[in-house]
Amino acid sequence: MAVRAIRGATQVDADDRDQILAATTELVTEVMTRNALTTDDVISVIFTATPDLAAEFPALAARKLGFHEVPLLCASEIGVPHALPRVIRLMAHVETDRPRSEVQHVYLRGAIALRLDIAQ
């Protein structure tokens, strides 16, 4: 069993609690589904949000999905000029038998523009 890091991102329309939770729920669910994971496979998840998002912690969405025993952390992205606004990112550390080449990183909504090379 290897430890792998899975990246993902999504974008919301506004700094709104419900939008942050809904988009994060969608992102986490897609990461888990596309990589055939359960919460027992997840070691930890780091969430970041661009500085223009402060209405809610993205990790709350993961807790609501059942990530009760998984260490979660939220942080703010650096405020780079001309960066894509209102973006929530995650990096999940997981145990999986999948080779690195088969790990599916997930970019949704407007965040697809961040990684056109790997977005599905």
PDB file of N, CA and C in Angstrom:
ATOM      1  N   MET A   1       0.859  -1.173   0.000  1.00  0.00           N
ATOM      2  CA  MET A   1       0.000   0.000   0.000  1.00  0.00           C
ATOM      3  C   MET A   1       0.900   1.230   0.000  1.00  0.00           C
ATOM      4  N   ALA A   2       0.648   2.132  -0.914  1.00  0.00           N
ATOM      5  CA  ALA A   2       1.434   3.365  -1.026  1.00  0.00           C
ATOM      6  C   ALA A   2       0.648   4.552  -0.475  1.00  0.00           C
ATOM      7  N   VAL A   3       1.376   5.571  -0.082  1.00  0.00           N
ATOM      8  CA  VAL A   3       0.763   6.846   0.284  1.00  0.00           C
ATOM      9  C   VAL A   3       0.836   7.751  -0.931  1.00  0.00           C
ATOM     10  N   ARG A   4      -0.294   8.297  -1.323  1.00  0.00           N
ATOM     11  CA  ARG A   4      -0.370   9.188  -2.483  1.00  0.00           C
ATOM     12  C   ARG A   4      -1.039  10.494  -2.070  1.00  0.00           C
ATOM     13  N   ALA A   5      -0.700  11.558  -2.779  1.00  0.00           N
ATOM     14  CA  ALA A   5      -1.361  12.847  -2.589  1.00  0.00           C
ATOM     15  C   ALA A   5      -2.280  13.080  -3.771  1.00  0.00           C
ATOM     16  N   ILE A   6      -3.487  13.501  -3.487  1.00  0.00           N
ATOM     17  CA  ILE A   6      -4.473  13.797  -4.532  1.00  0.00           C
ATOM     18  C   ILE A   6      -4.832  15.269  -4.419  1.00  0.00           C
ATOM     19  N   ARG A   7      -4.765  15.965  -5.549  1.00  0.00           N
ATOM     20  CA  ARG A   7      -5.094  17.390  -5.581  1.00  0.00           C
ATOM     21  C   ARG A   7      -6.478  17.593  -6.174  1.00  0.00           C
ATOM     22  N   GLY A   8      -7.070  18.709  -5.806  1.00  0.00           N
ATOM     23  CA  GLY A   8      -8.356  19.066  -6.371  1.00  0.00           C
ATOM     24  C   GLY A   8      -8.659  20.525  -6.091  1.00  0.00           C
ATOM     25  N   ALA A   9      -9.578  21.073  -6.869  1.00  0.00           N
ATOM     26  CA  ALA A   9      -9.992  22.463  -6.673  1.00  0.00           C
ATOM     27  C   ALA A   9     -11.361  22.677  -7.284  1.00  0.00           C
ATOM     28  N   THR A  10     -12.022  23.693  -6.769  1.00  0.00           N
ATOM     29  CA  THR A  10     -13.312  24.113  -7.297  1.00  0.00           C
ATOM     30  C   THR A  10     -13.441  25.612  -7.090  1.00  0.00           C
ATOM     31  N   GLN A  11     -14.420  26.200  -7.718  1.00  0.00           N
ATOM     32  CA  GLN A  11     -14.631  27.642  -7.604  1.00  0.00           C
ATOM     33  C   GLN A  11     -16.093  27.897  -7.243  1.00  0.00           C
ATOM     34  N   VAL A  12     -16.315  28.928  -6.425  1.00  0.00           N
ATOM     35  CA  VAL A  12     -17.673  29.334  -6.077  1.00  0.00           C
ATOM     36  C   VAL A  12     -17.939  30.722  -6.645  1.00  0.00           C
ATOM     37  N   ASP A  13     -19.214  31.076  -6.732  1.00  0.00           N
ATOM     38  CA  ASP A  13     -19.606  32.369  -7.298  1.00  0.00           C
ATOM     39  C   ASP A  13     -19.493  33.522  -6.314  1.00  0.00           C
ATOM     40  N   ALA A  14     -19.553  33.193  -5.002  1.00  0.00           N
ATOM     41  CA  ALA A  14     -19.556  34.254  -3.994  1.00  0.00           C
ATOM     42  C   ALA A  14     -19.040  33.703  -2.666  1.00  0.00           C
ATOM     43  N   ASP A  15     -18.618  34.604  -1.796  1.00  0.00           N
ATOM     44  CA  ASP A  15     -18.207  34.237  -0.447  1.00  0.00           C
ATOM     45  C   ASP A  15     -19.461  33.996   0.383  1.00  0.00           C
ATOM     46  N   ASP A  16     -20.037  32.839   0.182  1.00  0.00           N
ATOM     47  CA  ASP A  16     -21.310  32.472   0.787  1.00  0.00           C
ATOM     48  C   ASP A  16     -21.150  31.105   1.447  1.00  0.00           C
ATOM     49  N   ARG A  17     -21.546  30.990   2.693  1.00  0.00           N
ATOM     50  CA  ARG A  17     -21.379  29.750   3.449  1.00  0.00           C
ATOM     51  C   ARG A  17     -21.954  28.544   2.717  1.00  0.00           C
ATOM     52  N   ASP A  18     -23.185  28.659   2.243  1.00  0.00           N
ATOM     53  CA  ASP A  18     -23.827  27.529   1.573  1.00  0.00           C
ATOM     54  C   ASP A  18     -23.090  27.142   0.290  1.00  0.00           C
ATOM     55  N   GLN A  19     -22.613  28.130  -0.465  1.00  0.00           N
ATOM     56  CA  GLN A  19     -21.864  27.821  -1.689  1.00  0.00           C
ATOM     57  C   GLN A  19     -20.542  27.134  -1.372  1.00  0.00           C
ATOM     58  N   ILE A  20     -19.858  27.589  -0.337  1.00  0.00           N
ATOM     59  CA  ILE A  20     -18.584  26.974   0.048  1.00  0.00           C
ATOM     60  C   ILE A  20     -18.800  25.527   0.463  1.00  0.00           C
ATOM     61  N   LEU A  21     -19.814  25.285   1.274  1.00  0.00           N
ATOM     62  CA  LEU A  21     -20.087  23.924   1.721  1.00  0.00           C
ATOM     63  C   LEU A  21     -20.528  23.026   0.570  1.00  0.00           C
ATOM     64  N   ALA A  22     -21.386  23.524  -0.298  1.00  0.00           N
ATOM     65  CA  ALA A  22     -21.861  22.713  -1.428  1.00  0.00           C
ATOM     66  C   ALA A  22     -20.729  22.379  -2.393  1.00  0.00           C
ATOM     67  N   ALA A  23     -19.915  23.358  -2.723  1.00  0.00           N
ATOM     68  CA  ALA A  23     -18.816  23.123  -3.667  1.00  0.00           C
ATOM     69  C   ALA A  23     -17.771  22.193  -3.074  1.00  0.00           C
ATOM     70  N   THR A  24     -17.490  22.354  -1.786  1.00  0.00           N
ATOM     71  CA  THR A  24     -16.512  21.475  -1.139  1.00  0.00           C
ATOM     72  C   THR A  24     -17.044  20.058  -1.038  1.00  0.00           C
ATOM     73  N   THR A  25     -18.316  19.912  -0.729  1.00  0.00           N
ATOM     74  CA  THR A  25     -18.937  18.587  -0.698  1.00  0.00           C
ATOM     75  C   THR A  25     -18.816  17.914  -2.052  1.00  0.00           C
ATOM     76  N   GLU A  26     -19.119  18.646  -3.106  1.00  0.00           N
ATOM     77  CA  GLU A  26     -19.004  18.102  -4.466  1.00  0.00           C
ATOM     78  C   GLU A  26     -17.563  17.691  -4.763  1.00  0.00           C
ATOM     79  N   LEU A  27     -16.612  18.533  -4.400  1.00  0.00           N
ATOM     80  CA  LEU A  27     -15.204  18.249  -4.673  1.00  0.00           C
ATOM     81  C   LEU A  27     -14.728  17.006  -3.921  1.00  0.00           C
ATOM     82  N   VAL A  28     -14.996  16.950  -2.636  1.00  0.00           N
ATOM     83  CA  VAL A  28     -14.557  15.803  -1.835  1.00  0.00           C
ATOM     84  C   VAL A  28     -15.215  14.519  -2.339  1.00  0.00           C
ATOM     85  N   THR A  29     -16.489  14.573  -2.634  1.00  0.00           N
ATOM     86  CA  THR A  29     -17.202  13.399  -3.136  1.00  0.00           C
ATOM     87  C   THR A  29     -16.597  12.907  -4.447  1.00  0.00           C
ATOM     88  N   GLU A  30     -16.287  13.824  -5.348  1.00  0.00           N
ATOM     89  CA  GLU A  30     -15.679  13.441  -6.631  1.00  0.00           C
ATOM     90  C   GLU A  30     -14.295  12.825  -6.440  1.00  0.00           C
ATOM     91  N   VAL A  31     -13.490  13.401  -5.572  1.00  0.00           N
ATOM     92  CA  VAL A  31     -12.157  12.839  -5.294  1.00  0.00           C
ATOM     93  C   VAL A  31     -12.296  11.411  -4.771  1.00  0.00           C
ATOM     94  N   MET A  32     -13.196  11.209  -3.839  1.00  0.00           N
ATOM     95  CA  MET A  32     -13.391   9.887  -3.249  1.00  0.00           C
ATOM     96  C   MET A  32     -13.914   8.886  -4.279  1.00  0.00           C
ATOM     97  N   THR A  33     -14.895   9.291  -5.069  1.00  0.00           N
ATOM     98  CA  THR A  33     -15.497   8.399  -6.057  1.00  0.00           C
ATOM     99  C   THR A  33     -14.518   8.038  -7.162  1.00  0.00           C
ATOM    100  N   ARG A  34     -13.895   9.042  -7.752  1.00  0.00           N
ATOM    101  CA  ARG A  34     -12.987   8.797  -8.887  1.00  0.00           C
ATOM    102  C   ARG A  34     -11.767   7.963  -8.494  1.00  0.00           C
ATOM    103  N   ASN A  35     -11.426   7.978  -7.211  1.00  0.00           N
ATOM    104  CA  ASN A  35     -10.259   7.225  -6.767  1.00  0.00           C
ATOM    105  C   ASN A  35     -10.623   6.001  -5.932  1.00  0.00           C
ATOM    106  N   ALA A  36     -11.914   5.664  -5.911  1.00  0.00           N
ATOM    107  CA  ALA A  36     -12.427   4.477  -5.217  1.00  0.00           C
ATOM    108  C   ALA A  36     -11.933   4.406  -3.780  1.00  0.00           C
ATOM    109  N   LEU A  37     -12.128   5.505  -3.036  1.00  0.00           N
ATOM    110  CA  LEU A  37     -11.644   5.613  -1.665  1.00  0.00           C
ATOM    111  C   LEU A  37     -12.779   5.584  -0.657  1.00  0.00           C
ATOM    112  N   THR A  38     -12.456   5.167   0.556  1.00  0.00           N
ATOM    113  CA  THR A  38     -13.335   5.322   1.699  1.00  0.00           C
ATOM    114  C   THR A  38     -12.606   6.231   2.698  1.00  0.00           C
ATOM    115  N   THR A  39     -13.307   6.694   3.705  1.00  0.00           N
ATOM    116  CA  THR A  39     -12.643   7.554   4.696  1.00  0.00           C
ATOM    117  C   THR A  39     -11.521   6.816   5.420  1.00  0.00           C
ATOM    118  N   ASP A  40     -11.581   5.493   5.510  1.00  0.00           N
ATOM    119  CA  ASP A  40     -10.499   4.726   6.139  1.00  0.00           C
ATOM    120  C   ASP A  40      -9.205   4.806   5.337  1.00  0.00           C
ATOM    121  N   ASP A  41      -9.295   5.116   4.050  1.00  0.00           N
ATOM    122  CA  ASP A  41      -8.106   5.238   3.198  1.00  0.00           C
ATOM    123  C   ASP A  41      -7.437   6.604   3.328  1.00  0.00           C
ATOM    124  N   VAL A  42      -8.144   7.564   3.900  1.00  0.00           N
ATOM    125  CA  VAL A  42      -7.656   8.946   3.935  1.00  0.00           C
ATOM    126  C   VAL A  42      -6.831   9.180   5.198  1.00  0.00           C
ATOM    127  N   ILE A  43      -5.601   9.641   4.995  1.00  0.00           N
ATOM    128  CA  ILE A  43      -4.700   9.939   6.111  1.00  0.00           C
ATOM    129  C   ILE A  43      -4.982  11.339   6.643  1.00  0.00           C
ATOM    130  N   SER A  44      -5.065  12.317   5.745  1.00  0.00           N
ATOM    131  CA  SER A  44      -5.349  13.703   6.124  1.00  0.00           C
ATOM    132  C   SER A  44      -5.742  14.488   4.886  1.00  0.00           C
ATOM    133  N   VAL A  45      -6.372  15.638   5.121  1.00  0.00           N
ATOM    134  CA  VAL A  45      -6.756  16.521   4.021  1.00  0.00           C
ATOM    135  C   VAL A  45      -6.431  17.961   4.419  1.00  0.00           C
ATOM    136  N   ILE A  46      -5.748  18.654   3.530  1.00  0.00           N
ATOM    137  CA  ILE A  46      -5.486  20.077   3.705  1.00  0.00           C
ATOM    138  C   ILE A  46      -6.376  20.819   2.714  1.00  0.00           C
ATOM    139  N   PHE A  47      -7.155  21.747   3.225  1.00  0.00           N
ATOM    140  CA  PHE A  47      -7.987  22.607   2.391  1.00  0.00           C
ATOM    141  C   PHE A  47      -7.397  24.009   2.408  1.00  0.00           C
ATOM    142  N   THR A  48      -7.413  24.671   1.258  1.00  0.00           N
ATOM    143  CA  THR A  48      -7.074  26.090   1.230  1.00  0.00           C
ATOM    144  C   THR A  48      -8.187  26.828   0.513  1.00  0.00           C
ATOM    145  N   ALA A  49      -8.268  28.106   0.819  1.00  0.00           N
ATOM    146  CA  ALA A  49      -9.244  28.975   0.148  1.00  0.00           C
ATOM    147  C   ALA A  49      -8.533  30.270  -0.194  1.00  0.00           C
ATOM    148  N   THR A  50      -8.890  30.846  -1.309  1.00  0.00           N
ATOM    149  CA  THR A  50      -8.326  32.133  -1.662  1.00  0.00           C
ATOM    150  C   THR A  50      -8.772  33.162  -0.624  1.00  0.00           C
ATOM    151  N   PRO A  51      -8.005  34.251  -0.464  1.00  0.00           N
ATOM    152  CA  PRO A  51      -8.307  35.221   0.599  1.00  0.00           C
ATOM    153  C   PRO A  51      -9.700  35.845   0.532  1.00  0.00           C
ATOM    154  N   ASP A  52     -10.362  35.739  -0.615  1.00  0.00           N
ATOM    155  CA  ASP A  52     -11.700  36.317  -0.755  1.00  0.00           C
ATOM    156  C   ASP A  52     -12.807  35.382  -0.263  1.00  0.00           C
ATOM    157  N   LEU A  53     -12.435  34.233   0.310  1.00  0.00           N
ATOM    158  CA  LEU A  53     -13.418  33.295   0.868  1.00  0.00           C
ATOM    159  C   LEU A  53     -13.186  33.138   2.369  1.00  0.00           C
ATOM    160  N   ALA A  54     -14.135  33.598   3.146  1.00  0.00           N
ATOM    161  CA  ALA A  54     -13.997  33.523   4.599  1.00  0.00           C
ATOM    162  C   ALA A  54     -15.317  33.224   5.310  1.00  0.00           C
ATOM    163  N   ALA A  55     -16.367  32.889   4.556  1.00  0.00           N
ATOM    164  CA  ALA A  55     -17.686  32.691   5.153  1.00  0.00           C
ATOM    165  C   ALA A  55     -17.810  31.365   5.905  1.00  0.00           C
ATOM    166  N   GLU A  56     -16.936  30.384   5.599  1.00  0.00           N
ATOM    167  CA  GLU A  56     -17.001  29.086   6.279  1.00  0.00           C
ATOM    168  C   GLU A  56     -15.709  28.323   6.023  1.00  0.00           C
ATOM    169  N   PHE A  57     -15.401  27.407   6.944  1.00  0.00           N
ATOM    170  CA  PHE A  57     -14.264  26.510   6.770  1.00  0.00           C
ATOM    171  C   PHE A  57     -14.651  25.409   5.787  1.00  0.00           C
ATOM    172  N   PRO A  58     -13.905  25.197   4.710  1.00  0.00           N
ATOM    173  CA  PRO A  58     -14.224  24.093   3.792  1.00  0.00           C
ATOM    174  C   PRO A  58     -14.214  22.726   4.480  1.00  0.00           C
ATOM    175  N   ALA A  59     -13.386  22.557   5.491  1.00  0.00           N
ATOM    176  CA  ALA A  59     -13.309  21.264   6.180  1.00  0.00           C
ATOM    177  C   ALA A  59     -14.642  20.842   6.794  1.00  0.00           C
ATOM    178  N   LEU A  60     -15.498  21.793   7.106  1.00  0.00           N
ATOM    179  CA  LEU A  60     -16.804  21.446   7.671  1.00  0.00           C
ATOM    180  C   LEU A  60     -17.582  20.537   6.731  1.00  0.00           C
ATOM    181  N   ALA A  61     -17.457  20.766   5.447  1.00  0.00           N
ATOM    182  CA  ALA A  61     -18.152  19.909   4.473  1.00  0.00           C
ATOM    183  C   ALA A  61     -17.660  18.468   4.572  1.00  0.00           C
ATOM    184  N   ALA A  62     -16.359  18.292   4.728  1.00  0.00           N
ATOM    185  CA  ALA A  62     -15.812  16.934   4.871  1.00  0.00           C
ATOM    186  C   ALA A  62     -16.302  16.285   6.155  1.00  0.00           C
ATOM    187  N   ARG A  63     -16.347  17.044   7.230  1.00  0.00           N
ATOM    188  CA  ARG A  63     -16.872  16.497   8.494  1.00  0.00           C
ATOM    189  C   ARG A  63     -18.312  16.003   8.304  1.00  0.00           C
ATOM    190  N   LYS A  64     -19.112  16.799   7.585  1.00  0.00           N
ATOM    191  CA  LYS A  64     -20.505  16.423   7.346  1.00  0.00           C
ATOM    192  C   LYS A  64     -20.624  15.175   6.467  1.00  0.00           C
ATOM    193  N   LEU A  65     -19.565  14.886   5.690  1.00  0.00           N
ATOM    194  CA  LEU A  65     -19.539  13.686   4.848  1.00  0.00           C
ATOM    195  C   LEU A  65     -19.043  12.450   5.605  1.00  0.00           C
ATOM    196  N   GLY A  66     -18.656  12.624   6.866  1.00  0.00           N
ATOM    197  CA  GLY A  66     -18.227  11.481   7.659  1.00  0.00           C
ATOM    198  C   GLY A  66     -16.740  11.403   7.938  1.00  0.00           C
ATOM    199  N   PHE A  67     -16.001  12.454   7.663  1.00  0.00           N
ATOM    200  CA  PHE A  67     -14.567  12.474   7.922  1.00  0.00           C
ATOM    201  C   PHE A  67     -14.311  12.831   9.395  1.00  0.00           C
ATOM    202  N   HIS A  68     -14.873  12.051  10.307  1.00  0.00           N
ATOM    203  CA  HIS A  68     -14.799  12.367  11.733  1.00  0.00           C
ATOM    204  C   HIS A  68     -13.452  12.029  12.348  1.00  0.00           C
ATOM    205  N   GLU A  69     -12.770  11.003  11.841  1.00  0.00           N
ATOM    206  CA  GLU A  69     -11.490  10.582  12.411  1.00  0.00           C
ATOM    207  C   GLU A  69     -10.309  10.974  11.532  1.00  0.00           C
ATOM    208  N   VAL A  70     -10.549  11.759  10.505  1.00  0.00           N
ATOM    209  CA  VAL A  70      -9.501  12.183   9.579  1.00  0.00           C
ATOM    210  C   VAL A  70      -9.023  13.578   9.972  1.00  0.00           C
ATOM    211  N   PRO A  71      -7.714  13.765  10.168  1.00  0.00           N
ATOM    212  CA  PRO A  71      -7.215  15.110  10.441  1.00  0.00           C
ATOM    213  C   PRO A  71      -7.459  16.029   9.237  1.00  0.00           C
ATOM    214  N   LEU A  72      -8.070  17.169   9.489  1.00  0.00           N
ATOM    215  CA  LEU A  72      -8.376  18.149   8.452  1.00  0.00           C
ATOM    216  C   LEU A  72      -7.775  19.490   8.846  1.00  0.00           C
ATOM    217  N   LEU A  73      -7.319  20.248   7.860  1.00  0.00           N
ATOM    218  CA  LEU A  73      -6.729  21.549   8.122  1.00  0.00           C
ATOM    219  C   LEU A  73      -7.186  22.524   7.047  1.00  0.00           C
ATOM    220  N   CYS A  74      -7.525  23.736   7.452  1.00  0.00           N
ATOM    221  CA  CYS A  74      -7.858  24.803   6.510  1.00  0.00           C
ATOM    222  C   CYS A  74      -6.793  25.888   6.601  1.00  0.00           C
ATOM    223  N   ALA A  75      -6.467  26.462   5.452  1.00  0.00           N
ATOM    224  CA  ALA A  75      -5.493  27.549   5.397  1.00  0.00           C
ATOM    225  C   ALA A  75      -5.890  28.493   4.273  1.00  0.00           C
ATOM    226  N   SER A  76      -5.295  29.668   4.299  1.00  0.00           N
ATOM    227  CA  SER A  76      -5.557  30.659   3.261  1.00  0.00           C
ATOM    228  C   SER A  76      -4.457  30.611   2.210  1.00  0.00           C
ATOM    229  N   GLU A  77      -4.848  30.663   0.952  1.00  0.00           N
ATOM    230  CA  GLU A  77      -3.879  30.759  -0.144  1.00  0.00           C
ATOM    231  C   GLU A  77      -3.232  32.143  -0.100  1.00  0.00           C
ATOM    232  N   ILE A  78      -2.056  32.261  -0.679  1.00  0.00           N
ATOM    233  CA  ILE A  78      -1.436  33.579  -0.770  1.00  0.00           C
ATOM    234  C   ILE A  78      -2.193  34.402  -1.802  1.00  0.00           C
ATOM    235  N   GLY A  79      -2.247  35.702  -1.588  1.00  0.00           N
ATOM    236  CA  GLY A  79      -3.006  36.594  -2.465  1.00  0.00           C
ATOM    237  C   GLY A  79      -2.195  37.031  -3.667  1.00  0.00           C
ATOM    238  N   VAL A  80      -2.063  36.164  -4.636  1.00  0.00           N
ATOM    239  CA  VAL A  80      -1.295  36.467  -5.841  1.00  0.00           C
ATOM    240  C   VAL A  80      -2.139  37.338  -6.773  1.00  0.00           C
ATOM    241  N   PRO A  81      -1.586  38.467  -7.226  1.00  0.00           N
ATOM    242  CA  PRO A  81      -2.348  39.308  -8.170  1.00  0.00           C
ATOM    243  C   PRO A  81      -2.738  38.509  -9.424  1.00  0.00           C
ATOM    244  N   HIS A  82      -3.924  38.706  -9.877  1.00  0.00           N
ATOM    245  CA  HIS A  82      -4.453  38.077 -11.095  1.00  0.00           C
ATOM    246  C   HIS A  82      -4.713  36.572 -10.940  1.00  0.00           C
ATOM    247  N   ALA A  83      -4.700  36.072  -9.697  1.00  0.00           N
ATOM    248  CA  ALA A  83      -5.033  34.665  -9.471  1.00  0.00           C
ATOM    249  C   ALA A  83      -6.531  34.465  -9.642  1.00  0.00           C
ATOM    250  N   LEU A  84      -6.914  33.258  -9.960  1.00  0.00           N
ATOM    251  CA  LEU A  84      -8.332  32.925 -10.084  1.00  0.00           C
ATOM    252  C   LEU A  84      -9.008  33.153  -8.731  1.00  0.00           C
ATOM    253  N   PRO A  85     -10.089  33.924  -8.687  1.00  0.00           N
ATOM    254  CA  PRO A  85     -10.743  34.229  -7.410  1.00  0.00           C
ATOM    255  C   PRO A  85     -11.677  33.113  -6.939  1.00  0.00           C
ATOM    256  N   ARG A  86     -11.993  33.152  -5.642  1.00  0.00           N
ATOM    257  CA  ARG A  86     -13.011  32.302  -5.012  1.00  0.00           C
ATOM    258  C   ARG A  86     -12.773  30.802  -5.256  1.00  0.00           C
ATOM    259  N   VAL A  87     -11.527  30.385  -5.003  1.00  0.00           N
ATOM    260  CA  VAL A  87     -11.141  28.995  -5.252  1.00  0.00           C
ATOM    261  C   VAL A  87     -10.879  28.264  -3.935  1.00  0.00           C
ATOM    262  N   ILE A  88     -11.417  27.061  -3.858  1.00  0.00           N
ATOM    263  CA  ILE A  88     -11.163  26.139  -2.754  1.00  0.00           C
ATOM    264  C   ILE A  88     -10.313  25.010  -3.320  1.00  0.00           C
ATOM    265  N   ARG A  89      -9.204  24.749  -2.657  1.00  0.00           N
ATOM    266  CA  ARG A  89      -8.317  23.671  -3.090  1.00  0.00           C
ATOM    267  C   ARG A  89      -8.220  22.632  -1.980  1.00  0.00           C
ATOM    268  N   LEU A  90      -7.857  21.418  -2.381  1.00  0.00           N
ATOM    269  CA  LEU A  90      -7.567  20.393  -1.388  1.00  0.00           C
ATOM    270  C   LEU A  90      -6.365  19.584  -1.821  1.00  0.00           C
ATOM    271  N   MET A  91      -5.689  19.040  -0.831  1.00  0.00           N
ATOM    272  CA  MET A  91      -4.674  18.020  -1.057  1.00  0.00           C
ATOM    273  C   MET A  91      -4.933  16.936  -0.021  1.00  0.00           C
ATOM    274  N   ALA A  92      -5.335  15.777  -0.519  1.00  0.00           N
ATOM    275  CA  ALA A  92      -5.642  14.642   0.338  1.00  0.00           C
ATOM    276  C   ALA A  92      -4.489  13.653   0.291  1.00  0.00           C
ATOM    277  N   HIS A  93      -4.065  13.195   1.459  1.00  0.00           N
ATOM    278  CA  HIS A  93      -3.054  12.150   1.554  1.00  0.00           C
ATOM    279  C   HIS A  93      -3.796  10.848   1.830  1.00  0.00           C
ATOM    280  N   VAL A  94      -3.594   9.869   0.958  1.00  0.00           N
ATOM    281  CA  VAL A  94      -4.365   8.628   1.050  1.00  0.00           C
ATOM    282  C   VAL A  94      -3.469   7.412   0.928  1.00  0.00           C
ATOM    283  N   GLU A  95      -3.974   6.301   1.432  1.00  0.00           N
ATOM    284  CA  GLU A  95      -3.336   5.003   1.216  1.00  0.00           C
ATOM    285  C   GLU A  95      -4.095   4.330   0.076  1.00  0.00           C
ATOM    286  N   THR A  96      -3.346   3.882  -0.923  1.00  0.00           N
ATOM    287  CA  THR A  96      -3.985   3.258  -2.086  1.00  0.00           C
ATOM    288  C   THR A  96      -2.997   2.326  -2.781  1.00  0.00           C
ATOM    289  N   ASP A  97      -3.545   1.338  -3.472  1.00  0.00           N
ATOM    290  CA  ASP A  97      -2.728   0.451  -4.297  1.00  0.00           C
ATOM    291  C   ASP A  97      -2.541   1.019  -5.700  1.00  0.00           C
ATOM    292  N   ARG A  98      -3.239   2.099  -6.015  1.00  0.00           N
ATOM    293  CA  ARG A  98      -3.125   2.683  -7.354  1.00  0.00           C
ATOM    294  C   ARG A  98      -1.728   3.256  -7.580  1.00  0.00           C
ATOM    295  N   PRO A  99      -1.154   3.002  -8.749  1.00  0.00           N
ATOM    296  CA  PRO A  99       0.108   3.680  -9.064  1.00  0.00           C
ATOM    297  C   PRO A  99      -0.146   5.179  -9.246  1.00  0.00           C
ATOM    298  N   ARG A 100       0.885   5.958  -9.074  1.00  0.00           N
ATOM    299  CA  ARG A 100       0.756   7.410  -9.188  1.00  0.00           C
ATOM    300  C   ARG A 100       0.079   7.818 -10.504  1.00  0.00           C
ATOM    301  N   SER A 101       0.355   7.102 -11.575  1.00  0.00           N
ATOM    302  CA  SER A 101      -0.206   7.444 -12.887  1.00  0.00           C
ATOM    303  C   SER A 101      -1.714   7.236 -12.971  1.00  0.00           C
ATOM    304  N   GLU A 102      -2.285   6.481 -12.028  1.00  0.00           N
ATOM    305  CA  GLU A 102      -3.723   6.219 -12.041  1.00  0.00           C
ATOM    306  C   GLU A 102      -4.507   7.048 -11.028  1.00  0.00           C
ATOM    307  N   VAL A 103      -3.815   7.849 -10.249  1.00  0.00           N
ATOM    308  CA  VAL A 103      -4.495   8.723  -9.308  1.00  0.00           C
ATOM    309  C   VAL A 103      -5.200   9.816 -10.093  1.00  0.00           C
ATOM    310  N   GLN A 104      -6.460  10.056  -9.771  1.00  0.00           N
ATOM    311  CA  GLN A 104      -7.240  11.066 -10.492  1.00  0.00           C
ATOM    312  C   GLN A 104      -7.383  12.327  -9.649  1.00  0.00           C
ATOM    313  N   HIS A 105      -6.759  13.393 -10.122  1.00  0.00           N
ATOM    314  CA  HIS A 105      -6.898  14.702  -9.507  1.00  0.00           C
ATOM    315  C   HIS A 105      -8.177  15.324 -10.070  1.00  0.00           C
ATOM    316  N   VAL A 106      -8.873  16.119  -9.261  1.00  0.00           N
ATOM    317  CA  VAL A 106     -10.213  16.580  -9.633  1.00  0.00           C
ATOM    318  C   VAL A 106     -10.276  18.099  -9.609  1.00  0.00           C
ATOM    319  N   TYR A 107     -10.580  18.681 -10.744  1.00  0.00           N
ATOM    320  CA  TYR A 107     -10.758  20.135 -10.871  1.00  0.00           C
ATOM    321  C   TYR A 107     -12.146  20.387 -11.439  1.00  0.00           C
ATOM    322  N   LEU A 108     -12.954  21.127 -10.690  1.00  0.00           N
ATOM    323  CA  LEU A 108     -14.351  21.337 -11.035  1.00  0.00           C
ATOM    324  C   LEU A 108     -14.662  22.811 -11.254  1.00  0.00           C
ATOM    325  N   ARG A 109     -15.796  23.033 -11.897  1.00  0.00           N
ATOM    326  CA  ARG A 109     -16.304  24.388 -12.131  1.00  0.00           C
ATOM    327  C   ARG A 109     -15.216  25.238 -12.781  1.00  0.00           C
ATOM    328  N   GLY A 110     -15.088  26.482 -12.386  1.00  0.00           N
ATOM    329  CA  GLY A 110     -14.101  27.373 -12.993  1.00  0.00           C
ATOM    330  C   GLY A 110     -12.667  26.988 -12.697  1.00  0.00           C
ATOM    331  N   ALA A 111     -12.452  26.153 -11.689  1.00  0.00           N
ATOM    332  CA  ALA A 111     -11.093  25.737 -11.328  1.00  0.00           C
ATOM    333  C   ALA A 111     -10.478  24.795 -12.357  1.00  0.00           C
ATOM    334  N   ILE A 112     -11.261  24.321 -13.296  1.00  0.00           N
ATOM    335  CA  ILE A 112     -10.704  23.509 -14.382  1.00  0.00           C
ATOM    336  C   ILE A 112      -9.581  24.268 -15.076  1.00  0.00           C
ATOM    337  N   ALA A 113      -9.713  25.582 -15.148  1.00  0.00           N
ATOM    338  CA  ALA A 113      -8.703  26.410 -15.811  1.00  0.00           C
ATOM    339  C   ALA A 113      -7.347  26.352 -15.111  1.00  0.00           C
ATOM    340  N   LEU A 114      -7.305  25.935 -13.859  1.00  0.00           N
ATOM    341  CA  LEU A 114      -6.040  25.870 -13.127  1.00  0.00           C
ATOM    342  C   LEU A 114      -5.129  24.760 -13.625  1.00  0.00           C
ATOM    343  N   ARG A 115      -5.721  23.672 -14.057  1.00  0.00           N
ATOM    344  CA  ARG A 115      -4.926  22.505 -14.486  1.00  0.00           C
ATOM    345  C   ARG A 115      -5.560  21.843 -15.697  1.00  0.00           C
ATOM    346  N   LEU A 116      -5.541  22.510 -16.809  1.00  0.00           N
ATOM    347  CA  LEU A 116      -6.097  21.933 -18.028  1.00  0.00           C
ATOM    348  C   LEU A 116      -5.378  20.658 -18.421  1.00  0.00           C
ATOM    349  N   ASP A 117      -4.137  20.509 -17.975  1.00  0.00           N
ATOM    350  CA  ASP A 117      -3.351  19.332 -18.324  1.00  0.00           C
ATOM    351  C   ASP A 117      -3.851  18.059 -17.637  1.00  0.00           C
ATOM    352  N   ILE A 118      -4.509  18.184 -16.471  1.00  0.00           N
ATOM    353  CA  ILE A 118      -4.946  16.977 -15.773  1.00  0.00           C
ATOM    354  C   ILE A 118      -6.428  16.970 -15.416  1.00  0.00           C
ATOM    355  N   ALA A 119      -7.131  18.037 -15.651  1.00  0.00           N
ATOM    356  CA  ALA A 119      -8.560  18.100 -15.311  1.00  0.00           C
ATOM    357  C   ALA A 119      -9.345  17.129 -16.189  1.00  0.00           C
ATOM    358  N   GLN A 120     -10.299  16.431 -15.552  1.00  0.00           N
ATOM    359  CA  GLN A 120     -11.145  15.494 -16.308  1.00  0.00           C
ATOM    360  C   GLN A 120     -12.494  16.111 -16.535  1.00  0.00           C
TER     361      GLN A 120
END
